[in-house]
Amino acid sequence: MKAAVVREFGQPLVIEERSDPEPGPGQVRVRVEASGLCHTDIHAAHGDWPVKPTPPFVPGHEGVGLVEKLGEGVTHLAVGQRVAVPWLGRACGRCEHCLSGWETLCESQVNTGYGCDGGYAEKMLAWADFAQLVPEGVSAIDAAPLTCAGVTTYKALKVAGVRPAQLVAISGVGGLGHLAVQYAKIAGATVAAIDVTDEKLELARELGADILIDARTQDVGAELKRHGGAHAALALAVSPAAFEAVNSGLRRGGKLVMVALPAHGTIQVPIFDTVLNGTSVIGSIVGTRQDLAEVFQLHADGRTKVIQETRPLTAVNESIDEVLHGKVKARIVFDLGAGG
């Protein structure tokens, strides 16, 4: 099989020929049809974060494909079923977090494309209990971005406790943001979309955003306050300055939900204003298996639209450059033979 491999941090990925991986107990082998390019994959390939993967490794945590082989003890999946392999590759299932519905906080978790090889390959392994069945009618190409970009923003809105008629600010309309706009509208919110490109602001409008804020020319906080202030703000743009800007636009009792992970940086949270206004700053990391099942069901029901561009896996390095230079409208998906 072919795989795109990180041999050294900060260097181009190498397309290699590898032997097909053999599933161990509780695992399945998946013939990958599609794999999304998430900014996290770029951070992994560059070794940007304090906890780093160990080269050589295969990135990718939006892998979708067909079960090809079952490991020992796997009885609830069958060969030929389409599954998605998300960031949460495995959790222990026994700790406080797992038992209370917060498996994404498990300290023993293994992350796909980071702690184990991921979906930038023609075949990959997955722990069967965490391989999510993709409903009929949802293509692999669409399912790939939903596997991370979708479930991450969907969960962030849950964490924010968004309710109908509230004002929700979406800071950064890209791979994650274009789906966040749709989930916020499904929740009945009024959506303010914030970005720095005309194309992405127009995309947000097409997807239902009620208010468009151009951070190049407008004061984000002032504009949000002009509309009463945001009940919730999702920080999806990979920029600490964007976090601070949207935080300044919260109304009393509002919540800033941090989702994007810049390689470096902190933000200033004013103590006096935060205490007096009762605002919150919350971190939100991906979503659970149940969250992903709900995301897939919404898409199967025709409630969401995935904006994506396909590339062959051999274009992985050029695709990373496109993302880093802001040339991608929403999501790039590597097509490894998904078809419909």
Protein backbone atom coordinates (compact mmCIF):
# COMPACT_ATOMS: atom_id res chain seq x y z
CA MET A 1 0.00 0.00 0.00
CA LYS A 2 0.99 3.65 -0.41
CA ALA A 3 1.23 6.01 2.56
CA ALA A 4 2.27 9.63 3.08
CA VAL A 5 4.82 9.54 5.89
CA VAL A 6 6.32 12.19 8.15
CA ARG A 7 9.99 11.24 8.30
CA GLU A 8 11.22 14.44 9.91
CA PHE A 9 9.38 17.38 11.45
CA GLY A 10 9.01 20.34 9.12
CA GLN A 11 10.05 18.39 6.03
CA PRO A 12 7.84 17.34 3.10
CA LEU A 13 5.92 14.12 3.60
CA VAL A 14 7.30 11.12 1.72
CA ILE A 15 5.08 8.80 -0.34
CA GLU A 16 6.19 5.29 0.58
CA GLU A 17 5.26 1.70 -0.23
CA ARG A 18 4.42 -0.21 2.94
CA SER A 19 3.13 -3.66 3.79
CA ASP A 20 -0.56 -3.94 4.60
CA PRO A 21 -0.98 -3.58 8.39
CA GLU A 22 -2.41 -6.58 10.23
CA PRO A 23 -5.22 -5.92 12.73
CA GLY A 24 -4.60 -7.02 16.29
CA PRO A 25 -7.26 -8.11 18.80
CA GLY A 26 -10.13 -5.61 18.82
CA GLN A 27 -8.93 -3.90 15.63
CA VAL A 28 -10.03 -3.78 12.00
CA ARG A 29 -8.17 -2.97 8.82
CA VAL A 30 -9.80 -0.27 6.73
CA ARG A 31 -9.27 0.28 3.01
CA VAL A 32 -9.26 4.06 2.99
CA GLU A 33 -11.50 5.80 0.46
CA ALA A 34 -11.06 9.40 1.62
CA SER A 35 -9.06 11.32 4.19
CA GLY A 36 -9.49 14.97 5.12
CA LEU A 37 -6.66 17.44 5.61
CA CYS A 38 -7.04 19.10 9.02
CA HIS A 39 -4.75 21.85 10.32
CA THR A 40 -3.94 19.49 13.20
CA ASP A 41 -2.25 17.20 10.67
CA ILE A 42 0.03 20.08 9.69
CA HIS A 43 0.86 20.80 13.34
CA ALA A 44 1.65 17.10 13.75
CA ALA A 45 3.91 17.06 10.69
CA HIS A 46 5.74 20.16 11.93
CA GLY A 47 6.05 19.02 15.55
CA ASP A 48 4.44 22.27 16.67
CA TRP A 49 2.89 21.26 19.97
CA PRO A 50 4.44 20.43 23.38
CA VAL A 51 3.39 16.76 23.12
CA LYS A 52 4.80 15.54 19.82
CA PRO A 53 4.25 12.40 17.74
CA THR A 54 7.24 10.18 17.02
CA PRO A 55 8.48 10.03 13.40
CA PRO A 56 8.14 8.15 11.20
CA PHE A 57 4.35 8.26 11.32
CA VAL A 58 1.35 8.59 9.01
CA PRO A 59 -0.89 11.60 9.82
CA GLY A 60 -4.62 11.90 9.22
CA HIS A 61 -7.61 11.62 11.56
CA GLU A 62 -10.44 12.03 9.07
CA GLY A 63 -10.02 8.66 7.40
CA VAL A 64 -13.10 6.97 5.94
CA GLY A 65 -13.21 3.63 4.18
CA LEU A 66 -14.43 0.06 4.01
CA VAL A 67 -13.68 -2.58 6.62
CA GLU A 68 -11.39 -5.07 4.92
CA LYS A 69 -10.30 -7.43 7.70
CA LEU A 70 -11.42 -8.13 11.27
CA GLY A 71 -9.10 -8.67 14.19
CA GLU A 72 -9.71 -11.25 16.89
CA GLY A 73 -12.82 -10.59 18.98
CA VAL A 74 -14.49 -8.11 16.64
CA THR A 75 -18.11 -9.13 16.19
CA HIS A 76 -20.10 -5.89 15.78
CA LEU A 77 -18.52 -4.85 12.47
CA ALA A 78 -18.50 -6.72 9.17
CA VAL A 79 -16.23 -6.71 6.16
CA GLY A 80 -17.51 -4.21 3.60
CA GLN A 81 -19.07 -1.75 6.06
CA ARG A 82 -18.05 1.91 5.70
CA VAL A 83 -16.52 3.40 8.83
CA ALA A 84 -14.84 6.64 9.87
CA VAL A 85 -11.70 6.70 11.99
CA PRO A 86 -11.64 9.90 14.09
CA TRP A 87 -9.03 11.68 16.21
CA LEU A 88 -10.15 9.69 19.25
CA GLY A 89 -8.64 6.42 18.12
CA ARG A 90 -9.12 4.72 21.48
CA ALA A 91 -9.94 5.55 25.09
CA CYS A 92 -9.64 3.34 28.16
CA GLY A 93 -13.39 3.09 28.88
CA ARG A 94 -12.77 2.80 32.63
CA CYS A 95 -11.67 6.18 33.94
CA GLU A 96 -13.88 8.92 35.42
CA HIS A 97 -13.95 10.79 32.11
CA CYS A 98 -14.94 7.78 30.02
CA LEU A 99 -17.61 6.68 32.48
CA SER A 100 -19.16 10.16 32.70
CA GLY A 101 -19.52 10.69 28.95
CA TRP A 102 -16.29 12.66 28.48
CA GLU A 103 -14.16 10.03 26.77
CA THR A 104 -12.42 12.82 24.82
CA LEU A 105 -10.69 13.79 28.10
CA CYS A 106 -9.39 10.28 28.83
CA GLU A 107 -5.73 10.51 29.84
CA SER A 108 -4.99 7.12 28.29
CA GLN A 109 -6.43 7.93 24.87
CA VAL A 110 -4.58 7.20 21.64
CA ASN A 111 -5.05 9.76 18.88
CA THR A 112 -5.26 8.73 15.23
CA GLY A 113 -2.47 10.10 13.07
CA TYR A 114 -0.58 11.21 16.18
CA GLY A 115 -0.16 8.34 18.61
CA CYS A 116 -0.75 5.74 15.89
CA ASP A 117 -0.67 5.78 12.10
CA GLY A 118 -3.57 7.60 10.47
CA GLY A 119 -5.52 7.95 7.27
CA TYR A 120 -2.97 9.36 4.80
CA ALA A 121 -2.63 5.85 3.46
CA GLU A 122 -4.44 3.36 1.28
CA LYS A 123 -5.02 1.15 4.33
CA MET A 124 -5.08 1.80 8.06
CA LEU A 125 -5.88 0.12 11.34
CA ALA A 126 -8.64 1.21 13.69
CA TRP A 127 -9.88 0.06 17.07
CA ALA A 128 -13.25 -1.42 16.23
CA ASP A 129 -15.06 0.11 19.21
CA PHE A 130 -14.10 3.60 18.01
CA ALA A 131 -14.59 3.10 14.26
CA GLN A 132 -17.83 4.96 13.53
CA LEU A 133 -20.31 3.47 11.08
CA VAL A 134 -21.16 5.88 8.26
CA PRO A 135 -24.88 5.91 7.40
CA GLU A 136 -26.18 4.92 3.99
CA GLY A 137 -26.29 7.88 1.63
CA VAL A 138 -23.30 9.67 3.17
CA SER A 139 -20.33 9.51 0.81
CA ALA A 140 -16.81 8.91 2.04
CA ILE A 141 -15.76 12.28 0.59
CA ASP A 142 -18.37 14.10 2.72
CA ALA A 143 -17.90 11.87 5.76
CA ALA A 144 -14.19 12.65 6.01
CA PRO A 145 -14.49 16.35 7.04
CA LEU A 146 -17.45 15.53 9.28
CA THR A 147 -15.22 13.10 11.18
CA CYS A 148 -13.24 15.98 12.71
CA ALA A 149 -14.29 19.42 11.46
CA GLY A 150 -17.94 18.50 11.86
CA VAL A 151 -17.89 16.75 15.22
CA THR A 152 -15.49 19.30 16.72
CA THR A 153 -17.68 22.31 16.02
CA TYR A 154 -20.88 20.41 16.81
CA LYS A 155 -19.45 19.52 20.23
CA ALA A 156 -18.23 23.09 20.81
CA LEU A 157 -21.78 24.38 20.34
CA LYS A 158 -23.01 21.77 22.81
CA VAL A 159 -20.35 22.87 25.30
CA ALA A 160 -21.50 26.46 24.85
CA GLY A 161 -25.09 25.43 25.60
CA VAL A 162 -26.40 27.28 22.55
CA ARG A 163 -30.17 27.80 22.50
CA PRO A 164 -32.61 29.19 19.94
CA ALA A 165 -32.57 32.98 19.42
CA GLN A 166 -29.11 33.39 20.94
CA LEU A 167 -26.33 35.23 19.11
CA VAL A 168 -23.43 32.93 18.24
CA ALA A 169 -20.16 34.26 16.83
CA ILE A 170 -18.17 31.97 14.54
CA SER A 171 -14.60 33.30 14.31
CA GLY A 172 -12.98 31.75 11.24
CA VAL A 173 -15.05 30.41 8.35
CA GLY A 174 -13.02 27.55 6.90
CA GLY A 175 -13.00 23.78 7.21
CA LEU A 176 -14.48 23.95 10.70
CA GLY A 177 -16.27 27.28 10.52
CA HIS A 178 -18.44 26.53 7.49
CA LEU A 179 -19.91 23.57 9.39
CA ALA A 180 -20.17 25.54 12.65
CA VAL A 181 -22.36 28.11 10.89
CA GLN A 182 -24.73 25.33 9.83
CA TYR A 183 -24.91 23.65 13.24
CA ALA A 184 -25.59 27.00 14.92
CA LYS A 185 -28.43 27.65 12.49
CA ILE A 186 -29.84 24.15 13.13
CA ALA A 187 -29.81 25.05 16.84
CA GLY A 188 -31.93 28.11 16.05
CA ALA A 189 -29.23 30.71 16.75
CA THR A 190 -28.55 34.01 15.06
CA VAL A 191 -25.08 33.63 13.56
CA ALA A 192 -22.36 36.25 13.23
CA ALA A 193 -19.58 34.99 10.96
CA ILE A 194 -16.12 36.58 11.24
CA ASP A 195 -13.30 36.23 8.74
CA VAL A 196 -10.67 38.15 6.76
CA THR A 197 -11.50 37.11 3.20
CA ASP A 198 -14.41 38.08 0.98
CA GLU A 199 -14.76 34.51 -0.31
CA LYS A 200 -15.23 32.99 3.14
CA LEU A 201 -17.60 35.69 4.30
CA GLU A 202 -19.68 35.09 1.19
CA LEU A 203 -19.62 31.36 1.89
CA ALA A 204 -20.89 32.03 5.41
CA ARG A 205 -23.72 34.13 3.99
CA GLU A 206 -24.67 31.35 1.57
CA LEU A 207 -24.78 28.88 4.46
CA GLY A 208 -27.14 31.04 6.49
CA ALA A 209 -25.04 33.49 8.53
CA ASP A 210 -27.12 36.50 9.58
CA ILE A 211 -24.28 38.94 10.31
CA LEU A 212 -20.96 39.19 8.46
CA ILE A 213 -17.96 40.83 10.15
CA ASP A 214 -14.79 41.57 8.19
CA ALA A 215 -12.00 41.56 10.77
CA ARG A 216 -9.72 43.44 8.34
CA THR A 217 -11.81 46.58 8.45
CA GLN A 218 -14.20 46.20 11.40
CA ASP A 219 -13.71 46.04 15.16
CA VAL A 220 -14.98 42.54 15.94
CA GLY A 221 -15.86 43.21 19.57
CA ALA A 222 -17.62 46.49 18.82
CA GLU A 223 -19.66 44.96 16.00
CA LEU A 224 -20.80 42.09 18.20
CA LYS A 225 -21.69 44.48 21.02
CA ARG A 226 -23.66 46.57 18.53
CA HIS A 227 -25.89 43.51 18.13
CA GLY A 228 -26.14 43.02 21.90
CA GLY A 229 -23.02 40.88 22.33
CA ALA A 230 -22.53 37.19 21.67
CA HIS A 231 -24.05 34.60 23.97
CA ALA A 232 -21.35 32.25 22.68
CA ALA A 233 -18.28 32.62 20.50
CA LEU A 234 -16.41 29.77 18.83
CA ALA A 235 -12.73 30.61 18.27
CA LEU A 236 -11.83 28.64 15.15
CA ALA A 237 -9.25 30.96 13.54
CA VAL A 238 -5.66 29.89 14.28
CA SER A 239 -4.66 33.26 15.75
CA PRO A 240 -4.47 34.37 19.41
CA ALA A 241 -5.47 37.89 18.31
CA ALA A 242 -8.69 36.48 16.84
CA PHE A 243 -9.43 34.79 20.18
CA GLU A 244 -9.06 38.08 22.04
CA ALA A 245 -11.11 39.99 19.49
CA VAL A 246 -14.12 37.71 19.70
CA ASN A 247 -13.83 37.45 23.50
CA SER A 248 -14.22 41.22 23.67
CA GLY A 249 -17.61 40.89 21.95
CA LEU A 250 -19.30 38.65 24.53
CA ARG A 251 -22.39 39.86 26.33
CA ARG A 252 -22.76 39.40 30.09
CA GLY A 253 -22.77 35.69 30.85
CA GLY A 254 -21.33 34.90 27.43
CA LYS A 255 -18.96 32.01 26.71
CA LEU A 256 -15.78 31.93 24.66
CA VAL A 257 -15.17 28.38 23.45
CA MET A 258 -11.57 27.81 22.38
CA VAL A 259 -11.28 25.25 19.59
CA ALA A 260 -8.40 26.17 17.26
CA LEU A 261 -4.88 25.31 18.45
CA PRO A 262 -2.26 27.83 17.30
CA ALA A 263 1.31 26.53 17.47
CA HIS A 264 2.18 29.24 19.98
CA GLY A 265 0.52 32.02 21.90
CA THR A 266 -1.60 33.02 24.83
CA ILE A 267 -4.44 35.47 25.21
CA GLN A 268 -5.07 38.20 27.75
CA VAL A 269 -8.28 37.67 29.70
CA PRO A 270 -9.16 40.84 31.65
CA ILE A 271 -9.93 39.76 35.21
CA PHE A 272 -12.17 42.70 36.13
CA ASP A 273 -14.38 42.45 33.04
CA THR A 274 -14.56 38.65 33.22
CA VAL A 275 -15.65 38.67 36.88
CA LEU A 276 -18.02 41.61 36.57
CA ASN A 277 -19.67 40.31 33.40
CA GLY A 278 -19.73 36.65 34.43
CA THR A 279 -18.16 35.50 31.18
CA SER A 280 -16.49 32.10 30.68
CA VAL A 281 -13.50 30.83 28.74
CA ILE A 282 -13.84 27.13 27.91
CA GLY A 283 -11.72 24.64 25.99
CA SER A 284 -13.45 22.11 23.74
CA ILE A 285 -11.67 19.16 22.11
CA VAL A 286 -13.28 17.12 19.28
CA GLY A 287 -16.34 15.05 20.23
CA THR A 288 -17.43 11.65 21.46
CA ARG A 289 -18.62 8.66 19.45
CA GLN A 290 -22.21 9.69 20.14
CA ASP A 291 -21.52 13.23 18.95
CA LEU A 292 -20.11 11.87 15.69
CA ALA A 293 -23.11 9.58 15.21
CA GLU A 294 -25.37 12.65 15.54
CA VAL A 295 -23.24 14.63 13.07
CA PHE A 296 -23.51 11.82 10.52
CA GLN A 297 -27.26 11.55 11.05
CA LEU A 298 -27.77 15.28 10.47
CA HIS A 299 -25.89 14.97 7.20
CA ALA A 300 -27.78 11.85 6.16
CA ASP A 301 -31.00 13.79 6.80
CA GLY A 302 -29.85 16.53 4.41
CA ARG A 303 -29.40 19.15 7.15
CA THR A 304 -25.75 20.01 6.39
CA LYS A 305 -23.55 20.62 3.38
CA VAL A 306 -19.83 19.85 3.23
CA ILE A 307 -17.73 22.24 1.16
CA GLN A 308 -14.63 20.35 0.03
CA GLU A 309 -12.06 20.06 -2.73
CA THR A 310 -10.53 16.69 -3.60
CA ARG A 311 -6.87 15.96 -4.29
CA PRO A 312 -4.85 12.79 -4.85
CA LEU A 313 -2.72 11.70 -1.90
CA THR A 314 0.38 12.39 -4.00
CA ALA A 315 -0.50 16.11 -3.77
CA VAL A 316 -0.23 16.10 0.02
CA ASN A 317 2.65 18.58 0.27
CA GLU A 318 1.15 21.05 -2.20
CA SER A 319 -2.16 20.76 -0.34
CA ILE A 320 -0.51 21.60 2.98
CA ASP A 321 1.02 24.70 1.37
CA GLU A 322 -2.43 25.74 0.10
CA VAL A 323 -3.86 25.51 3.60
CA LEU A 324 -0.98 27.42 5.17
CA HIS A 325 -1.35 30.22 2.62
CA GLY A 326 -5.12 30.50 3.07
CA LYS A 327 -5.93 29.36 -0.46
CA VAL A 328 -8.51 26.72 0.50
CA LYS A 329 -12.18 27.70 0.69
CA ALA A 330 -13.09 25.09 3.29
CA ARG A 331 -11.69 21.53 3.36
CA ILE A 332 -9.29 19.50 1.22
CA VAL A 333 -10.06 15.78 1.04
CA PHE A 334 -7.62 13.25 -0.34
CA ASP A 335 -9.55 10.93 -2.66
CA LEU A 336 -8.16 7.41 -2.47
CA GLY A 337 -10.88 5.92 -4.64
CA ALA A 338 -14.08 6.86 -2.79
CA GLY A 339 -16.20 7.72 -5.78
CA GLY A 340 -19.67 8.51 -4.42
